[in-house]
N, C-alpha and C. Protein backbone atom coordinates (compact mmCIF):
# COMPACT_ATOMS: atom_id res chain seq x y z
N UNK A 1 47.68 -54.25 -160.30
CA UNK A 1 48.81 -54.64 -161.09
C UNK A 1 48.60 -55.90 -161.73
N UNK A 2 48.17 -56.99 -161.33
CA UNK A 2 48.02 -58.46 -161.95
C UNK A 2 47.16 -58.26 -163.11
N UNK A 3 46.08 -57.50 -162.89
CA UNK A 3 45.25 -57.38 -164.17
C UNK A 3 45.87 -56.65 -165.20
N UNK A 4 46.51 -55.59 -164.96
CA UNK A 4 47.23 -55.03 -165.96
C UNK A 4 48.42 -55.67 -166.63
N UNK A 5 48.94 -56.41 -165.81
CA UNK A 5 49.99 -57.41 -166.44
C UNK A 5 49.35 -58.58 -167.40
N UNK A 6 48.13 -58.97 -166.85
CA UNK A 6 47.44 -59.74 -167.73
C UNK A 6 47.15 -59.29 -169.01
N UNK A 7 46.43 -57.88 -168.95
CA UNK A 7 46.04 -57.30 -170.27
C UNK A 7 47.33 -57.09 -171.05
N UNK A 8 48.51 -56.82 -170.64
CA UNK A 8 49.80 -56.71 -171.48
C UNK A 8 50.13 -58.13 -172.01
N UNK A 9 49.95 -59.03 -171.19
CA UNK A 9 50.33 -60.51 -171.80
C UNK A 9 49.03 -60.88 -172.89
N UNK A 10 48.03 -60.26 -172.69
CA UNK A 10 46.93 -60.68 -173.85
C UNK A 10 47.16 -59.98 -175.03
N UNK A 11 47.61 -58.63 -174.79
CA UNK A 11 47.90 -57.92 -176.01
C UNK A 11 49.21 -58.51 -176.65
N UNK A 12 50.10 -59.01 -175.96
CA UNK A 12 51.34 -59.45 -176.68
C UNK A 12 50.80 -60.91 -177.57
N UNK A 13 50.03 -61.71 -176.93
CA UNK A 13 49.42 -62.89 -177.57
C UNK A 13 48.53 -62.52 -178.77
N UNK A 14 47.83 -61.31 -178.78
CA UNK A 14 47.02 -60.97 -179.81
C UNK A 14 48.06 -60.41 -180.97
N UNK A 15 49.28 -59.63 -180.53
CA UNK A 15 50.36 -59.35 -181.32
C UNK A 15 50.76 -60.42 -182.36
N UNK A 16 51.21 -61.55 -181.32
CA UNK A 16 51.74 -62.76 -182.25
C UNK A 16 50.65 -63.57 -183.17
N UNK A 17 49.43 -63.25 -182.57
CA UNK A 17 48.42 -64.11 -183.63
C UNK A 17 48.21 -63.35 -184.83
N UNK A 18 48.27 -61.92 -184.82
CA UNK A 18 48.20 -61.19 -185.93
C UNK A 18 49.26 -61.39 -186.85
N UNK A 19 50.53 -61.74 -186.59
CA UNK A 19 51.66 -62.07 -187.21
C UNK A 19 51.37 -63.35 -187.77
N UNK A 20 50.85 -64.29 -186.98
CA UNK A 20 50.62 -65.73 -187.74
C UNK A 20 49.66 -65.47 -188.77
N UNK A 21 48.76 -64.61 -188.42
CA UNK A 21 47.52 -64.66 -189.52
C UNK A 21 48.11 -63.96 -190.62
N UNK A 22 48.85 -62.93 -190.58
CA UNK A 22 49.32 -62.31 -191.75
C UNK A 22 50.35 -63.46 -192.40
N UNK A 23 51.24 -64.21 -192.10
CA UNK A 23 51.84 -65.30 -192.64
C UNK A 23 50.98 -66.20 -193.30
N UNK A 24 49.93 -66.60 -192.83
CA UNK A 24 48.97 -67.57 -193.55
C UNK A 24 48.08 -66.88 -194.64
N UNK A 25 47.59 -65.69 -194.49
CA UNK A 25 46.54 -65.03 -195.26
C UNK A 25 47.18 -63.77 -195.95
N UNK A 26 48.31 -63.24 -195.79
CA UNK A 26 48.92 -62.13 -196.47
C UNK A 26 48.28 -61.10 -196.22
N UNK A 27 47.34 -60.90 -195.25
CA UNK A 27 46.72 -59.62 -194.84
C UNK A 27 46.32 -59.79 -193.37
N UNK A 28 45.92 -58.65 -192.93
CA UNK A 28 45.50 -58.60 -191.55
C UNK A 28 43.96 -59.06 -191.37
N UNK A 29 43.66 -59.35 -190.01
CA UNK A 29 42.40 -59.96 -189.72
C UNK A 29 41.44 -58.50 -189.91
N UNK A 30 40.25 -58.83 -190.16
CA UNK A 30 39.28 -57.57 -190.40
C UNK A 30 39.12 -57.11 -188.75
N UNK A 31 38.94 -57.90 -187.71
CA UNK A 31 38.63 -57.75 -186.48
C UNK A 31 39.22 -58.85 -185.57
N UNK A 32 39.16 -58.47 -184.20
CA UNK A 32 39.66 -59.46 -183.31
C UNK A 32 38.78 -60.75 -183.26
N UNK A 33 37.56 -60.58 -183.37
CA UNK A 33 36.68 -61.79 -183.44
C UNK A 33 37.23 -62.79 -184.47
N UNK A 34 37.54 -62.16 -185.83
CA UNK A 34 38.02 -62.94 -186.84
C UNK A 34 39.28 -63.67 -186.44
N UNK A 35 40.06 -63.11 -185.70
CA UNK A 35 41.50 -63.44 -185.36
C UNK A 35 41.10 -64.79 -184.42
N UNK A 36 40.40 -64.53 -183.54
CA UNK A 36 40.15 -65.45 -182.55
C UNK A 36 39.51 -66.74 -182.91
N UNK A 37 38.73 -66.57 -184.15
CA UNK A 37 38.09 -67.82 -184.69
C UNK A 37 39.01 -68.73 -185.47
N UNK A 38 40.19 -68.37 -185.42
CA UNK A 38 41.22 -69.29 -186.26
C UNK A 38 41.26 -70.54 -185.93
N UNK A 39 41.34 -71.49 -186.74
CA UNK A 39 41.64 -73.03 -186.24
C UNK A 39 42.81 -73.04 -185.31
N UNK A 40 42.82 -73.66 -184.11
CA UNK A 40 43.79 -73.66 -183.27
C UNK A 40 44.30 -72.53 -182.35
N UNK A 41 43.54 -71.53 -182.57
CA UNK A 41 43.86 -70.20 -181.85
C UNK A 41 43.08 -70.18 -180.46
N UNK A 42 43.61 -70.07 -179.42
CA UNK A 42 42.98 -69.69 -178.11
C UNK A 42 43.32 -68.41 -177.64
N UNK A 43 42.41 -67.29 -177.92
CA UNK A 43 42.70 -66.25 -177.69
C UNK A 43 41.79 -65.23 -176.72
N UNK A 44 42.19 -64.52 -175.93
CA UNK A 44 41.09 -63.75 -175.12
C UNK A 44 41.38 -62.43 -175.90
N UNK A 45 40.20 -61.82 -176.34
CA UNK A 45 40.05 -60.56 -177.10
C UNK A 45 39.40 -59.63 -176.16
N UNK A 46 39.04 -59.74 -175.13
CA UNK A 46 38.38 -58.76 -174.29
C UNK A 46 38.97 -58.73 -172.92
N UNK A 47 38.57 -57.57 -172.31
CA UNK A 47 38.95 -57.32 -171.12
C UNK A 47 38.89 -58.21 -169.78
N UNK A 48 39.45 -58.79 -169.02
CA UNK A 48 39.37 -59.57 -168.05
C UNK A 48 38.41 -59.27 -166.78
N UNK A 49 38.31 -57.92 -166.62
CA UNK A 49 37.40 -57.46 -165.77
C UNK A 49 35.85 -57.08 -166.03
N UNK A 50 35.76 -56.45 -167.25
CA UNK A 50 34.37 -56.17 -167.70
C UNK A 50 33.99 -56.57 -169.15
N UNK A 51 34.93 -57.60 -169.66
CA UNK A 51 34.59 -58.02 -171.15
C UNK A 51 34.39 -57.12 -172.16
N UNK A 52 34.95 -55.89 -171.95
CA UNK A 52 35.08 -54.96 -173.01
C UNK A 52 36.12 -55.35 -174.07
N UNK A 53 35.62 -55.43 -175.21
CA UNK A 53 36.64 -55.80 -176.32
C UNK A 53 38.05 -55.00 -176.31
N UNK A 54 39.15 -55.64 -176.51
CA UNK A 54 40.42 -54.69 -176.59
C UNK A 54 40.15 -54.03 -178.06
N UNK A 55 40.78 -52.87 -178.09
CA UNK A 55 40.54 -51.97 -179.43
C UNK A 55 41.62 -52.72 -180.52
N UNK A 56 41.16 -52.65 -181.66
CA UNK A 56 41.98 -53.17 -182.79
C UNK A 56 41.62 -52.42 -183.98
N UNK A 57 42.52 -51.67 -184.64
CA UNK A 57 42.35 -51.02 -185.78
C UNK A 57 43.52 -51.25 -186.97
N UNK A 58 43.06 -51.69 -188.11
CA UNK A 58 44.03 -51.70 -189.09
C UNK A 58 44.38 -50.26 -189.53
N UNK A 59 45.61 -49.97 -189.61
CA UNK A 59 46.13 -48.71 -189.93
C UNK A 59 46.56 -48.66 -191.56
N UNK A 60 46.97 -49.64 -191.98
CA UNK A 60 47.77 -49.69 -193.25
C UNK A 60 47.87 -51.35 -193.68
N UNK A 61 48.57 -51.67 -194.64
CA UNK A 61 48.59 -52.85 -195.19
C UNK A 61 49.29 -53.93 -194.08
N UNK A 62 50.20 -53.44 -193.36
CA UNK A 62 51.15 -53.88 -192.40
C UNK A 62 51.13 -53.41 -191.01
N UNK A 63 50.20 -52.28 -190.83
CA UNK A 63 50.18 -51.65 -189.57
C UNK A 63 48.98 -51.79 -188.94
N UNK A 64 48.86 -51.80 -187.70
CA UNK A 64 47.62 -51.85 -187.00
C UNK A 64 47.95 -51.24 -185.55
N UNK A 65 46.81 -51.12 -184.80
CA UNK A 65 46.80 -50.59 -183.36
C UNK A 65 45.91 -51.41 -182.45
N UNK A 66 46.62 -51.75 -181.33
CA UNK A 66 45.81 -52.45 -180.20
C UNK A 66 45.60 -51.58 -178.95
N UNK A 67 44.51 -51.53 -178.50
CA UNK A 67 44.18 -50.54 -177.41
C UNK A 67 43.69 -51.41 -176.35
N UNK A 68 43.75 -50.97 -175.01
CA UNK A 68 43.18 -51.41 -173.64
C UNK A 68 43.12 -50.56 -172.77
N UNK A 69 42.21 -50.61 -171.64
CA UNK A 69 42.31 -49.75 -170.54
C UNK A 69 42.96 -50.26 -169.28
N UNK A 70 43.96 -49.38 -168.74
CA UNK A 70 44.68 -49.89 -167.86
C UNK A 70 44.39 -49.14 -166.17
N UNK A 71 44.53 -49.94 -165.28
CA UNK A 71 44.47 -49.11 -164.10
C UNK A 71 45.62 -48.80 -163.37
N UNK A 72 46.86 -49.01 -164.02
CA UNK A 72 47.73 -48.66 -163.16
C UNK A 72 48.97 -48.14 -164.24
N UNK A 73 49.93 -47.44 -163.78
CA UNK A 73 50.87 -46.79 -164.69
C UNK A 73 52.24 -47.56 -164.75
N UNK A 74 52.92 -48.07 -165.66
CA UNK A 74 53.99 -48.80 -165.72
C UNK A 74 55.22 -48.18 -165.13
N UNK A 75 55.16 -46.71 -165.28
CA UNK A 75 56.29 -46.05 -164.85
C UNK A 75 56.19 -45.89 -163.21
N UNK A 76 55.16 -46.08 -162.70
CA UNK A 76 55.17 -46.10 -161.03
C UNK A 76 55.46 -47.68 -160.75
N UNK A 77 54.89 -48.38 -161.47
CA UNK A 77 55.42 -49.90 -161.14
C UNK A 77 56.65 -50.01 -161.23
N UNK A 78 57.50 -49.36 -162.17
CA UNK A 78 58.97 -49.56 -162.41
C UNK A 78 59.60 -49.05 -161.16
N UNK A 79 58.99 -47.75 -160.75
CA UNK A 79 59.80 -47.01 -159.55
C UNK A 79 59.49 -47.93 -158.22
N UNK A 80 58.39 -48.90 -158.20
CA UNK A 80 58.10 -49.56 -157.04
C UNK A 80 58.97 -50.90 -156.93
N UNK A 81 59.24 -51.53 -158.17
CA UNK A 81 59.94 -52.88 -158.07
C UNK A 81 60.99 -53.05 -159.02
N UNK A 82 61.31 -51.83 -159.86
CA UNK A 82 62.64 -51.71 -160.48
C UNK A 82 62.31 -52.43 -161.99
N UNK A 83 61.03 -52.69 -162.22
CA UNK A 83 60.65 -53.27 -163.68
C UNK A 83 60.87 -52.18 -164.52
N UNK A 84 61.75 -52.57 -165.53
CA UNK A 84 62.16 -51.74 -166.76
C UNK A 84 60.99 -51.49 -167.56
N UNK A 85 60.83 -50.36 -168.31
CA UNK A 85 59.90 -49.96 -169.20
C UNK A 85 59.99 -50.99 -170.51
N UNK A 86 58.95 -51.44 -170.92
CA UNK A 86 58.92 -52.40 -172.23
C UNK A 86 58.02 -51.95 -173.18
N UNK A 87 57.86 -52.72 -174.09
CA UNK A 87 56.93 -52.41 -175.37
C UNK A 87 55.60 -52.19 -175.02
N UNK A 88 55.13 -52.55 -173.58
CA UNK A 88 53.78 -52.42 -173.30
C UNK A 88 53.64 -51.17 -172.31
N UNK A 89 54.75 -50.49 -172.08
CA UNK A 89 54.53 -49.41 -171.18
C UNK A 89 53.38 -48.55 -171.41
N UNK A 90 52.64 -48.18 -170.38
CA UNK A 90 51.37 -47.34 -170.47
C UNK A 90 51.18 -46.25 -169.10
N UNK A 91 50.25 -45.59 -169.35
CA UNK A 91 49.63 -44.85 -168.27
C UNK A 91 48.40 -45.45 -167.68
N UNK A 92 47.89 -44.94 -167.03
CA UNK A 92 46.31 -45.19 -166.55
C UNK A 92 45.31 -44.63 -167.73
N UNK A 93 44.63 -45.63 -167.93
CA UNK A 93 43.34 -45.25 -168.92
C UNK A 93 43.53 -45.92 -170.29
N UNK A 94 42.90 -45.39 -171.13
CA UNK A 94 43.04 -46.09 -172.45
C UNK A 94 44.14 -45.79 -173.08
N UNK A 95 45.03 -46.86 -173.34
CA UNK A 95 46.24 -46.53 -174.04
C UNK A 95 46.43 -47.41 -175.44
N UNK A 96 46.93 -46.88 -176.55
CA UNK A 96 46.95 -47.71 -177.75
C UNK A 96 48.54 -47.85 -178.10
N UNK A 97 48.71 -48.94 -178.72
CA UNK A 97 49.95 -49.16 -179.17
C UNK A 97 50.01 -49.51 -180.99
N UNK A 98 50.83 -49.06 -181.55
CA UNK A 98 51.02 -49.21 -182.82
C UNK A 98 51.75 -50.29 -183.12
N UNK A 99 51.70 -51.10 -184.02
CA UNK A 99 52.12 -52.19 -184.26
C UNK A 99 52.37 -52.65 -185.78
N UNK A 100 53.22 -53.53 -186.25
CA UNK A 100 53.28 -53.94 -187.57
C UNK A 100 53.76 -55.27 -187.82
N UNK A 101 53.38 -55.76 -188.88
CA UNK A 101 53.65 -57.24 -189.03
C UNK A 101 55.08 -56.89 -190.03
N UNK A 102 56.00 -57.78 -189.61
CA UNK A 102 57.23 -57.60 -190.17
C UNK A 102 57.47 -58.56 -191.51
N UNK A 103 57.99 -57.78 -192.72
CA UNK A 103 58.07 -58.59 -193.79
C UNK A 103 59.41 -59.47 -193.67
N UNK A 104 59.32 -60.86 -193.92
CA UNK A 104 60.35 -61.80 -193.86
C UNK A 104 61.12 -61.56 -195.00
N UNK A 105 62.54 -61.69 -194.73
CA UNK A 105 63.47 -61.48 -195.87
C UNK A 105 64.22 -62.71 -196.24
């Protein structure tokens, strides 16, 4: 469970870093390695167990997908400890999350 919670937290940090990259460059990074190389960015972009890179795919000008392989199901975790589903709810196995950078108004 802790490793999956770590994966969720790392994906959330990647999501935040993509948003900051967009604000600076007006485009999305080509890949996670480019994102991690940004000055002042300390970002883990691979799985904590086997160092497999997290999945990242640009879907459009402001849309992208992040993927990771999970070993637990958040629905089962919620049933065990009352944790509500959140933005990173997932089943066991490879799961992907479509995200977008928000346009500032």
